[in-house]
N, C-alpha and C. Protein backbone atom coordinates (compact mmCIF):
# COMPACT_ATOMS: atom_id res chain seq x y z
N MET A 1 156.48 85.02 58.92
CA MET A 1 157.26 86.17 59.34
C MET A 1 158.75 85.85 59.27
N GLU A 2 159.53 86.79 58.82
CA GLU A 2 160.98 86.61 58.73
C GLU A 2 161.66 87.48 59.79
N VAL A 3 162.58 86.88 60.53
CA VAL A 3 163.38 87.64 61.48
C VAL A 3 164.62 88.14 60.74
N ARG A 4 164.67 89.43 60.46
CA ARG A 4 165.77 90.02 59.70
C ARG A 4 166.88 90.55 60.61
N HIS A 5 166.50 90.89 61.83
CA HIS A 5 167.49 91.46 62.76
C HIS A 5 167.09 91.07 64.18
N ALA A 6 168.06 90.66 64.97
CA ALA A 6 167.80 90.29 66.36
C ALA A 6 169.03 90.62 67.18
N GLU A 7 168.81 91.23 68.33
CA GLU A 7 169.93 91.57 69.20
C GLU A 7 169.52 91.56 70.66
N TYR A 8 170.48 91.21 71.50
CA TYR A 8 170.27 91.25 72.94
C TYR A 8 170.14 92.71 73.39
N MET A 9 169.20 92.96 74.32
CA MET A 9 168.99 94.31 74.82
C MET A 9 169.52 94.47 76.25
N ILE A 10 168.89 93.75 77.18
CA ILE A 10 169.20 93.99 78.59
C ILE A 10 168.71 92.81 79.43
N SER A 11 169.34 92.59 80.57
CA SER A 11 168.87 91.63 81.56
C SER A 11 168.36 92.42 82.76
N SER A 12 167.11 92.19 83.12
CA SER A 12 166.47 92.99 84.16
C SER A 12 166.13 92.14 85.39
N PRO A 13 166.34 92.68 86.59
CA PRO A 13 166.03 91.93 87.81
C PRO A 13 164.57 92.04 88.25
N SER A 14 163.81 92.89 87.57
CA SER A 14 162.40 93.06 87.94
C SER A 14 161.65 93.66 86.76
N VAL A 15 160.33 93.58 86.82
CA VAL A 15 159.51 94.13 85.73
C VAL A 15 159.68 95.64 85.64
N GLU A 16 159.95 96.29 86.77
CA GLU A 16 160.13 97.74 86.76
C GLU A 16 161.36 98.17 85.97
N LYS A 17 162.35 97.27 85.86
CA LYS A 17 163.60 97.60 85.17
C LYS A 17 163.60 97.20 83.70
N CYS A 18 162.50 96.61 83.23
CA CYS A 18 162.42 96.18 81.84
C CYS A 18 162.34 97.39 80.90
N PRO A 19 162.65 97.19 79.61
CA PRO A 19 162.56 98.29 78.64
C PRO A 19 161.13 98.83 78.55
N PRO A 20 160.95 100.03 78.00
CA PRO A 20 159.61 100.58 77.84
C PRO A 20 158.69 99.61 77.10
N ALA A 21 157.44 99.55 77.52
CA ALA A 21 156.48 98.61 76.94
C ALA A 21 155.87 99.20 75.68
N ASP A 22 156.71 99.46 74.68
CA ASP A 22 156.28 100.19 73.49
C ASP A 22 156.19 99.32 72.23
N ALA A 23 156.27 97.99 72.40
CA ALA A 23 156.16 97.08 71.25
C ALA A 23 155.61 95.75 71.75
N PRO A 24 155.00 94.97 70.87
CA PRO A 24 154.48 93.67 71.30
C PRO A 24 155.60 92.78 71.83
N GLU A 25 155.26 91.98 72.84
CA GLU A 25 156.27 91.18 73.51
C GLU A 25 155.80 89.74 73.69
N TYR A 26 156.76 88.81 73.57
CA TYR A 26 156.49 87.38 73.75
C TYR A 26 157.53 86.80 74.69
N ALA A 27 157.09 86.02 75.67
CA ALA A 27 158.00 85.44 76.65
C ALA A 27 158.13 83.94 76.43
N PHE A 28 159.29 83.41 76.82
CA PHE A 28 159.57 81.98 76.76
C PHE A 28 159.96 81.51 78.15
N ILE A 29 159.30 80.46 78.61
CA ILE A 29 159.58 79.95 79.95
C ILE A 29 159.37 78.44 79.97
N GLY A 30 159.98 77.76 80.92
CA GLY A 30 159.82 76.32 81.06
C GLY A 30 160.74 75.81 82.15
N ARG A 31 160.72 74.51 82.37
CA ARG A 31 161.63 73.92 83.34
C ARG A 31 163.07 74.19 82.92
N SER A 32 163.95 74.23 83.90
CA SER A 32 165.37 74.45 83.62
C SER A 32 165.88 73.40 82.64
N ASN A 33 166.62 73.85 81.63
CA ASN A 33 167.22 72.99 80.62
C ASN A 33 166.21 72.38 79.64
N VAL A 34 165.07 73.05 79.47
CA VAL A 34 164.06 72.55 78.54
C VAL A 34 164.37 72.94 77.09
N GLY A 35 165.32 73.88 76.92
CA GLY A 35 165.69 74.28 75.57
C GLY A 35 165.18 75.64 75.16
N LYS A 36 164.96 76.52 76.14
CA LYS A 36 164.45 77.87 75.82
C LYS A 36 165.42 78.64 74.92
N SER A 37 166.67 78.71 75.37
CA SER A 37 167.65 79.49 74.61
C SER A 37 167.87 78.92 73.21
N SER A 38 167.90 77.59 73.11
CA SER A 38 168.10 76.96 71.81
C SER A 38 166.95 77.28 70.86
N LEU A 39 165.72 77.26 71.37
CA LEU A 39 164.57 77.57 70.52
C LEU A 39 164.58 79.03 70.10
N ILE A 40 164.92 79.93 71.02
CA ILE A 40 165.01 81.35 70.67
C ILE A 40 166.06 81.56 69.58
N ASN A 41 167.19 80.89 69.70
CA ASN A 41 168.24 81.02 68.69
C ASN A 41 167.77 80.51 67.34
N ARG A 42 167.04 79.41 67.34
CA ARG A 42 166.54 78.85 66.07
C ARG A 42 165.51 79.79 65.44
N LEU A 43 164.62 80.32 66.24
CA LEU A 43 163.58 81.22 65.73
C LEU A 43 164.19 82.50 65.14
N SER A 44 165.27 82.95 65.75
CA SER A 44 165.89 84.20 65.31
C SER A 44 166.94 84.01 64.23
N ASN A 45 167.26 82.75 63.91
CA ASN A 45 168.34 82.44 62.95
C ASN A 45 169.68 83.01 63.41
N ARG A 46 169.87 83.04 64.73
CA ARG A 46 171.14 83.49 65.31
C ARG A 46 171.65 82.39 66.24
N LYS A 47 172.90 81.97 66.05
CA LYS A 47 173.42 80.85 66.84
C LYS A 47 173.58 81.19 68.31
N ASN A 48 173.93 82.45 68.61
CA ASN A 48 174.28 82.80 69.98
C ASN A 48 173.50 84.00 70.50
N LEU A 49 172.28 84.21 70.00
CA LEU A 49 171.49 85.33 70.50
C LEU A 49 171.22 85.13 72.00
N ALA A 50 170.67 83.98 72.33
CA ALA A 50 170.45 83.61 73.73
C ALA A 50 171.52 82.60 74.11
N LYS A 51 172.15 82.80 75.23
CA LYS A 51 173.24 81.93 75.65
C LYS A 51 172.70 80.62 76.18
N THR A 52 173.20 79.51 75.62
CA THR A 52 172.79 78.19 76.05
C THR A 52 173.80 77.64 77.03
N SER A 53 173.33 76.70 77.87
CA SER A 53 174.22 76.08 78.85
C SER A 53 173.72 74.68 79.16
N SER A 54 174.65 73.76 79.37
CA SER A 54 174.29 72.40 79.77
C SER A 54 173.98 72.32 81.25
N THR A 55 174.27 73.41 81.98
CA THR A 55 174.01 73.46 83.41
C THR A 55 172.66 74.10 83.66
N PRO A 56 171.71 73.40 84.30
CA PRO A 56 170.39 73.98 84.55
C PRO A 56 170.48 75.18 85.48
N GLY A 57 169.51 76.08 85.35
CA GLY A 57 169.38 77.16 86.30
C GLY A 57 170.27 78.36 86.08
N LYS A 58 170.84 78.50 84.89
CA LYS A 58 171.77 79.61 84.64
C LYS A 58 171.06 80.95 84.45
N THR A 59 169.85 80.93 83.89
CA THR A 59 169.12 82.16 83.65
C THR A 59 168.50 82.64 84.96
N LEU A 60 168.88 83.83 85.41
CA LEU A 60 168.42 84.34 86.70
C LEU A 60 167.70 85.68 86.59
N MET A 61 167.64 86.24 85.38
CA MET A 61 166.96 87.52 85.19
C MET A 61 166.07 87.47 83.96
N ILE A 62 165.36 88.56 83.71
CA ILE A 62 164.49 88.69 82.54
C ILE A 62 165.35 89.20 81.40
N ASN A 63 165.65 88.34 80.44
CA ASN A 63 166.54 88.70 79.33
C ASN A 63 165.71 89.15 78.13
N HIS A 64 165.91 90.40 77.73
CA HIS A 64 165.15 90.98 76.62
C HIS A 64 165.96 90.97 75.33
N PHE A 65 165.26 90.68 74.22
CA PHE A 65 165.85 90.73 72.88
C PHE A 65 164.97 91.59 71.98
N SER A 66 165.61 92.42 71.19
CA SER A 66 164.90 93.25 70.21
C SER A 66 164.86 92.51 68.88
N ILE A 67 163.68 92.37 68.31
CA ILE A 67 163.50 91.64 67.06
C ILE A 67 163.06 92.61 65.97
N ASN A 68 163.73 92.52 64.84
CA ASN A 68 163.46 93.40 63.69
C ASN A 68 163.47 94.87 64.10
N ARG A 69 164.56 95.22 64.79
CA ARG A 69 164.85 96.61 65.19
C ARG A 69 163.70 97.24 65.97
N GLY A 70 163.27 96.52 66.99
CA GLY A 70 162.26 97.06 67.89
C GLY A 70 160.83 96.85 67.47
N ALA A 71 160.62 96.07 66.39
CA ALA A 71 159.24 95.79 65.97
C ALA A 71 158.52 94.95 67.03
N MET A 72 159.28 94.14 67.76
CA MET A 72 158.74 93.39 68.89
C MET A 72 159.89 92.95 69.79
N TYR A 73 159.54 92.49 70.98
CA TYR A 73 160.52 92.00 71.95
C TYR A 73 160.25 90.55 72.27
N TRP A 74 161.33 89.80 72.53
CA TRP A 74 161.24 88.45 73.10
C TRP A 74 161.93 88.46 74.44
N THR A 75 161.43 87.67 75.38
CA THR A 75 162.10 87.55 76.67
C THR A 75 162.36 86.09 77.01
N ASP A 76 163.55 85.85 77.50
CA ASP A 76 163.98 84.54 78.00
C ASP A 76 163.91 84.62 79.51
N LEU A 77 162.93 83.91 80.11
CA LEU A 77 162.71 83.97 81.55
C LEU A 77 163.44 82.84 82.27
N PRO A 78 163.74 83.02 83.55
CA PRO A 78 164.39 81.94 84.32
C PRO A 78 163.54 80.67 84.31
N GLY A 79 164.21 79.53 84.30
CA GLY A 79 163.50 78.26 84.34
C GLY A 79 162.97 77.97 85.74
N TYR A 80 161.92 77.17 85.80
CA TYR A 80 161.38 76.75 87.08
C TYR A 80 161.65 75.25 87.27
N GLY A 81 161.35 74.74 88.45
CA GLY A 81 161.50 73.32 88.71
C GLY A 81 162.92 72.85 88.98
N TYR A 82 163.83 73.80 89.23
CA TYR A 82 165.22 73.43 89.52
C TYR A 82 165.40 73.50 91.04
N ASP A 83 165.42 72.34 91.71
CA ASP A 83 165.33 72.28 93.16
C ASP A 83 166.66 72.48 93.88
N ARG A 84 167.76 72.60 93.15
CA ARG A 84 169.05 72.72 93.81
C ARG A 84 169.37 74.14 94.25
N ARG A 85 168.50 75.09 93.92
CA ARG A 85 168.66 76.43 94.44
C ARG A 85 168.13 76.48 95.87
N SER A 86 168.54 77.50 96.61
CA SER A 86 168.03 77.69 97.96
C SER A 86 166.57 78.15 97.89
N LYS A 87 165.83 77.93 98.96
CA LYS A 87 164.43 78.35 99.00
C LYS A 87 164.31 79.87 98.83
N LYS A 88 165.29 80.60 99.35
CA LYS A 88 165.28 82.05 99.23
C LYS A 88 165.38 82.48 97.77
N ILE A 89 166.32 81.86 97.03
CA ILE A 89 166.49 82.21 95.61
C ILE A 89 165.28 81.78 94.80
N ILE A 90 164.75 80.57 95.09
CA ILE A 90 163.56 80.10 94.38
C ILE A 90 162.40 81.07 94.59
N GLY A 91 162.21 81.49 95.83
CA GLY A 91 161.12 82.43 96.12
C GLY A 91 161.30 83.76 95.41
N LYS A 92 162.54 84.23 95.36
CA LYS A 92 162.83 85.50 94.69
C LYS A 92 162.56 85.40 93.19
N LEU A 93 163.00 84.30 92.57
CA LEU A 93 162.79 84.12 91.14
C LEU A 93 161.31 83.98 90.81
N GLU A 94 160.59 83.22 91.62
CA GLU A 94 159.16 83.06 91.38
C GLU A 94 158.44 84.40 91.48
N GLY A 95 158.81 85.20 92.48
CA GLY A 95 158.19 86.52 92.62
C GLY A 95 158.46 87.39 91.41
N MET A 96 159.70 87.35 90.89
CA MET A 96 160.06 88.13 89.72
C MET A 96 159.27 87.67 88.49
N ILE A 97 159.20 86.36 88.29
CA ILE A 97 158.49 85.82 87.12
C ILE A 97 157.00 86.13 87.19
N TYR A 98 156.39 85.87 88.33
CA TYR A 98 154.95 86.08 88.45
C TYR A 98 154.59 87.56 88.30
N SER A 99 155.43 88.43 88.88
CA SER A 99 155.18 89.87 88.75
C SER A 99 155.28 90.31 87.30
N TYR A 100 156.29 89.81 86.60
CA TYR A 100 156.46 90.15 85.18
C TYR A 100 155.25 89.69 84.36
N LEU A 101 154.84 88.45 84.55
CA LEU A 101 153.75 87.89 83.75
C LEU A 101 152.42 88.61 84.00
N LYS A 102 152.20 89.07 85.21
CA LYS A 102 150.94 89.72 85.55
C LYS A 102 150.94 91.22 85.22
N ARG A 103 152.13 91.84 85.21
CA ARG A 103 152.17 93.30 85.13
C ARG A 103 152.75 93.87 83.84
N ARG A 104 153.40 93.04 83.04
CA ARG A 104 154.01 93.55 81.80
C ARG A 104 152.90 93.84 80.79
N LYS A 105 152.62 95.11 80.55
CA LYS A 105 151.44 95.51 79.78
C LYS A 105 151.49 95.10 78.32
N ASN A 106 152.67 95.03 77.74
CA ASN A 106 152.79 94.72 76.31
C ASN A 106 153.00 93.24 76.03
N LEU A 107 152.95 92.40 77.06
CA LEU A 107 153.15 90.96 76.88
C LEU A 107 151.88 90.36 76.27
N LEU A 108 151.99 89.88 75.04
CA LEU A 108 150.82 89.35 74.34
C LEU A 108 150.62 87.87 74.59
N THR A 109 151.70 87.09 74.61
CA THR A 109 151.60 85.65 74.79
C THR A 109 152.88 85.12 75.43
N THR A 110 152.74 84.12 76.27
CA THR A 110 153.87 83.43 76.86
C THR A 110 153.92 82.00 76.32
N PHE A 111 155.07 81.62 75.78
CA PHE A 111 155.27 80.26 75.30
C PHE A 111 155.83 79.43 76.46
N VAL A 112 155.03 78.47 76.91
CA VAL A 112 155.45 77.58 77.99
C VAL A 112 156.04 76.32 77.35
N LEU A 113 157.34 76.13 77.54
CA LEU A 113 158.05 75.04 76.88
C LEU A 113 158.01 73.78 77.76
N ILE A 114 157.63 72.67 77.15
CA ILE A 114 157.51 71.38 77.83
C ILE A 114 158.39 70.37 77.09
N ASP A 115 159.22 69.64 77.81
CA ASP A 115 160.08 68.62 77.21
C ASP A 115 159.23 67.45 76.73
N SER A 116 159.16 67.27 75.42
CA SER A 116 158.27 66.24 74.84
C SER A 116 158.73 64.82 75.16
N ARG A 117 159.94 64.66 75.67
CA ARG A 117 160.45 63.33 75.96
C ARG A 117 159.95 62.79 77.29
N ARG A 118 159.34 63.67 78.09
CA ARG A 118 158.99 63.29 79.46
C ARG A 118 157.48 63.20 79.64
N THR A 119 157.07 62.33 80.55
CA THR A 119 155.67 62.29 80.96
C THR A 119 155.37 63.55 81.77
N PRO A 120 154.10 63.88 82.00
CA PRO A 120 153.77 65.15 82.67
C PRO A 120 154.49 65.34 84.00
N GLN A 121 155.12 66.50 84.14
CA GLN A 121 155.85 66.86 85.36
C GLN A 121 155.01 67.81 86.21
N ASP A 122 155.04 67.60 87.53
CA ASP A 122 154.21 68.41 88.43
C ASP A 122 154.49 69.90 88.30
N SER A 123 155.77 70.27 88.13
CA SER A 123 156.11 71.69 88.06
C SER A 123 155.53 72.33 86.80
N ASP A 124 155.51 71.59 85.69
CA ASP A 124 154.91 72.11 84.46
C ASP A 124 153.40 72.29 84.62
N LEU A 125 152.76 71.27 85.17
CA LEU A 125 151.31 71.33 85.36
C LEU A 125 150.93 72.47 86.30
N LYS A 126 151.71 72.62 87.37
CA LYS A 126 151.45 73.68 88.34
C LYS A 126 151.54 75.05 87.68
N PHE A 127 152.58 75.25 86.86
CA PHE A 127 152.76 76.56 86.23
C PHE A 127 151.66 76.84 85.22
N VAL A 128 151.32 75.87 84.39
CA VAL A 128 150.27 76.08 83.39
C VAL A 128 148.93 76.38 84.07
N ARG A 129 148.65 75.67 85.17
CA ARG A 129 147.40 75.92 85.90
C ARG A 129 147.40 77.31 86.51
N TRP A 130 148.56 77.77 86.99
CA TRP A 130 148.64 79.13 87.54
C TRP A 130 148.34 80.15 86.46
N CYS A 131 148.91 79.96 85.28
CA CYS A 131 148.65 80.87 84.16
C CYS A 131 147.17 80.91 83.83
N GLY A 132 146.52 79.75 83.86
CA GLY A 132 145.10 79.70 83.60
C GLY A 132 144.29 80.46 84.64
N ALA A 133 144.67 80.29 85.90
CA ALA A 133 143.96 80.98 86.99
C ALA A 133 144.15 82.49 86.90
N GLN A 134 145.31 82.93 86.40
CA GLN A 134 145.59 84.35 86.27
C GLN A 134 145.14 84.92 84.92
N GLN A 135 144.59 84.06 84.06
CA GLN A 135 144.13 84.44 82.73
C GLN A 135 145.26 85.05 81.90
N ILE A 136 146.43 84.43 81.98
CA ILE A 136 147.58 84.84 81.20
C ILE A 136 147.61 84.03 79.91
N PRO A 137 147.55 84.66 78.75
CA PRO A 137 147.54 83.92 77.48
C PRO A 137 148.83 83.13 77.29
N ILE A 138 148.70 81.84 77.00
CA ILE A 138 149.87 81.00 76.80
C ILE A 138 149.69 80.11 75.57
N ILE A 139 150.81 79.65 75.06
CA ILE A 139 150.86 78.56 74.09
C ILE A 139 151.83 77.54 74.65
N ILE A 140 151.46 76.28 74.61
CA ILE A 140 152.34 75.21 75.08
C ILE A 140 153.16 74.72 73.91
N ALA A 141 154.48 74.82 74.04
CA ALA A 141 155.40 74.38 72.99
C ALA A 141 156.16 73.15 73.49
N PHE A 142 155.89 72.01 72.89
CA PHE A 142 156.59 70.78 73.24
C PHE A 142 157.93 70.76 72.51
N THR A 143 159.02 70.72 73.26
CA THR A 143 160.36 70.87 72.69
C THR A 143 161.06 69.53 72.48
N LYS A 144 162.18 69.58 71.77
CA LYS A 144 163.10 68.45 71.57
C LYS A 144 162.43 67.27 70.87
N ALA A 145 161.52 67.58 69.95
CA ALA A 145 160.79 66.52 69.24
C ALA A 145 161.71 65.68 68.36
N ASP A 146 162.88 66.24 67.98
CA ASP A 146 163.81 65.51 67.11
C ASP A 146 164.53 64.39 67.84
N LYS A 147 164.47 64.37 69.16
CA LYS A 147 165.25 63.41 69.93
C LYS A 147 164.52 62.08 70.17
N GLN A 148 163.37 61.91 69.54
CA GLN A 148 162.61 60.67 69.70
C GLN A 148 161.66 60.53 68.52
N GLY A 149 160.98 59.40 68.45
CA GLY A 149 160.01 59.18 67.39
C GLY A 149 158.74 59.99 67.61
N GLU A 150 158.03 60.24 66.52
CA GLU A 150 156.80 61.02 66.60
C GLU A 150 155.77 60.36 67.51
N LYS A 151 155.73 59.03 67.51
CA LYS A 151 154.75 58.31 68.34
C LYS A 151 154.95 58.63 69.82
N HIS A 152 156.20 58.62 70.28
CA HIS A 152 156.50 58.92 71.68
C HIS A 152 156.13 60.36 72.02
N THR A 153 156.43 61.28 71.12
CA THR A 153 156.07 62.68 71.33
C THR A 153 154.56 62.84 71.48
N ARG A 154 153.81 62.23 70.57
CA ARG A 154 152.35 62.34 70.60
C ARG A 154 151.77 61.71 71.87
N GLU A 155 152.35 60.61 72.32
CA GLU A 155 151.87 59.94 73.53
C GLU A 155 152.04 60.83 74.76
N ASN A 156 153.24 61.43 74.91
CA ASN A 156 153.47 62.30 76.05
C ASN A 156 152.64 63.57 75.98
N MET A 157 152.45 64.06 74.77
CA MET A 157 151.60 65.24 74.56
C MET A 157 150.17 64.94 75.00
N GLU A 158 149.67 63.78 74.65
CA GLU A 158 148.31 63.40 75.01
C GLU A 158 148.17 63.20 76.52
N LEU A 159 149.20 62.63 77.16
CA LEU A 159 149.18 62.48 78.61
C LEU A 159 149.09 63.84 79.30
N PHE A 160 149.83 64.81 78.77
CA PHE A 160 149.81 66.16 79.34
C PHE A 160 148.43 66.79 79.16
N ARG A 161 147.86 66.60 77.99
CA ARG A 161 146.52 67.13 77.72
C ARG A 161 145.50 66.53 78.67
N GLU A 162 145.59 65.22 78.92
CA GLU A 162 144.65 64.56 79.81
C GLU A 162 144.73 65.13 81.22
N LYS A 163 145.95 65.43 81.68
CA LYS A 163 146.12 66.02 83.00
C LYS A 163 145.48 67.40 83.06
N LEU A 164 145.66 68.19 82.01
CA LEU A 164 145.10 69.54 82.00
C LEU A 164 143.58 69.52 81.96
N TYR A 165 143.02 68.53 81.28
CA TYR A 165 141.57 68.44 81.18
C TYR A 165 140.91 68.20 82.53
N GLU A 166 141.71 67.84 83.55
CA GLU A 166 141.16 67.69 84.89
C GLU A 166 140.72 69.04 85.44
N ASP A 167 141.30 70.14 84.92
CA ASP A 167 141.00 71.48 85.42
C ASP A 167 140.48 72.42 84.33
N TRP A 168 140.78 72.14 83.07
CA TRP A 168 140.45 73.05 81.98
C TRP A 168 139.30 72.49 81.15
N ASP A 169 138.40 73.38 80.72
CA ASP A 169 137.37 72.98 79.77
C ASP A 169 137.89 73.09 78.34
N GLU A 170 138.68 74.12 78.09
CA GLU A 170 139.29 74.33 76.77
C GLU A 170 140.79 74.56 76.97
N LEU A 171 141.61 73.77 76.29
CA LEU A 171 143.04 73.83 76.49
C LEU A 171 143.67 74.96 75.67
N PRO A 172 144.80 75.49 76.13
CA PRO A 172 145.54 76.48 75.33
C PRO A 172 146.11 75.80 74.09
N PRO A 173 146.45 76.57 73.06
CA PRO A 173 147.03 75.98 71.85
C PRO A 173 148.34 75.26 72.17
N GLN A 174 148.67 74.25 71.34
CA GLN A 174 149.91 73.48 71.52
C GLN A 174 150.65 73.37 70.19
N ILE A 175 151.98 73.44 70.27
CA ILE A 175 152.83 73.32 69.10
C ILE A 175 153.97 72.36 69.42
N ILE A 176 154.28 71.47 68.50
CA ILE A 176 155.44 70.59 68.64
C ILE A 176 156.62 71.27 67.96
N THR A 177 157.76 71.39 68.68
CA THR A 177 158.90 72.13 68.14
C THR A 177 160.20 71.35 68.25
N SER A 178 161.16 71.76 67.45
CA SER A 178 162.53 71.25 67.54
C SER A 178 163.48 72.37 67.16
N ALA A 179 164.38 72.70 68.08
CA ALA A 179 165.39 73.71 67.78
C ALA A 179 166.41 73.18 66.79
N LYS A 180 166.53 71.87 66.69
CA LYS A 180 167.53 71.28 65.81
C LYS A 180 167.09 71.28 64.35
N ASN A 181 165.88 70.78 64.07
CA ASN A 181 165.45 70.70 62.67
C ASN A 181 164.42 71.76 62.28
N GLY A 182 164.03 72.61 63.24
CA GLY A 182 163.14 73.72 62.92
C GLY A 182 161.66 73.39 62.93
N GLU A 183 161.30 72.17 63.33
CA GLU A 183 159.89 71.81 63.36
C GLU A 183 159.11 72.78 64.26
N GLY A 184 157.99 73.26 63.75
CA GLY A 184 157.12 74.14 64.51
C GLY A 184 157.54 75.59 64.56
N CYS A 185 158.76 75.90 64.12
CA CYS A 185 159.26 77.27 64.27
C CYS A 185 158.50 78.27 63.40
N GLN A 186 158.19 77.88 62.17
CA GLN A 186 157.45 78.79 61.31
C GLN A 186 156.04 79.03 61.85
N GLU A 187 155.50 78.00 62.49
CA GLU A 187 154.18 78.15 63.11
C GLU A 187 154.23 79.17 64.26
N VAL A 188 155.29 79.12 65.04
CA VAL A 188 155.46 80.09 66.13
C VAL A 188 155.59 81.50 65.57
N LEU A 189 156.42 81.66 64.55
CA LEU A 189 156.64 82.98 63.96
C LEU A 189 155.37 83.52 63.30
N GLN A 190 154.61 82.65 62.67
CA GLN A 190 153.37 83.08 62.04
C GLN A 190 152.37 83.54 63.09
N PHE A 191 152.33 82.82 64.21
CA PHE A 191 151.45 83.24 65.30
C PHE A 191 151.82 84.64 65.77
N MET A 192 153.11 84.89 65.95
CA MET A 192 153.55 86.22 66.38
C MET A 192 153.14 87.29 65.37
N HIS A 193 153.37 87.00 64.10
CA HIS A 193 153.02 87.94 63.04
C HIS A 193 151.54 88.30 63.10
N ASP A 194 150.70 87.29 63.26
CA ASP A 194 149.26 87.52 63.29
C ASP A 194 148.83 88.24 64.57
N THR A 195 149.48 87.92 65.68
CA THR A 195 149.09 88.49 66.97
C THR A 195 149.57 89.91 67.14
N ASN A 196 150.66 90.28 66.47
CA ASN A 196 151.19 91.65 66.59
C ASN A 196 150.14 92.71 66.25
N THR A 197 149.21 92.35 65.39
CA THR A 197 148.18 93.33 64.99
C THR A 197 147.27 93.69 66.15
N CYS A 198 147.27 92.88 67.21
CA CYS A 198 146.41 93.15 68.36
C CYS A 198 147.02 94.17 69.32
N PHE A 199 148.30 94.48 69.10
CA PHE A 199 148.99 95.36 70.05
C PHE A 199 148.59 96.81 69.85
N VAL A 200 148.26 97.45 70.97
CA VAL A 200 147.95 98.87 70.95
C VAL A 200 148.81 99.52 72.03
N SER A 201 149.67 100.43 71.63
CA SER A 201 150.58 101.10 72.56
C SER A 201 149.81 102.13 73.38
N ASP A 202 150.19 102.24 74.64
CA ASP A 202 149.59 103.28 75.48
C ASP A 202 149.93 104.66 74.94
N PRO A 203 148.98 105.60 74.99
CA PRO A 203 149.27 106.95 74.48
C PRO A 203 150.30 107.65 75.35
């Protein structure tokens, strides 16, 4: 699939404020500073479609992007696992994220981004297990693969898989990605292209 046009639409504080659910939608989420915005920019071939920041925790709302003039939507969700926020803000963000993931009717798949440089993190495992319990379709995208050797990436990936097998009989699909060199990006786009055919708009 080729992304010919991409533009920012709106930042919404709740699922009720999101754009009409009239096209297939894909969400991106992960720990703060995992590289969500960078990966979205690489996938869209736009340097500044999603705003990147070296400061964790900057994304506080549901950021919608229109892809190929409304053929589908992408959303950049707030990161989790950032403990420097107040408990009140953390609770509010979690409520917003969980409500969106459970109630957004046109959401076909959520890409859960995991930093491939790190051993399994409790916040990542907790979130993936929650998605499984809620039967929310996900793909695990291991990010920043360019920042280390393939052997290290594969080792951490396998450690994460072993942790998930403690609760899962069949694991969700996994993709190794790099926003810098484009590894895995065509695989992500092809998945979207194939999955879009499953979308049926409400009458």
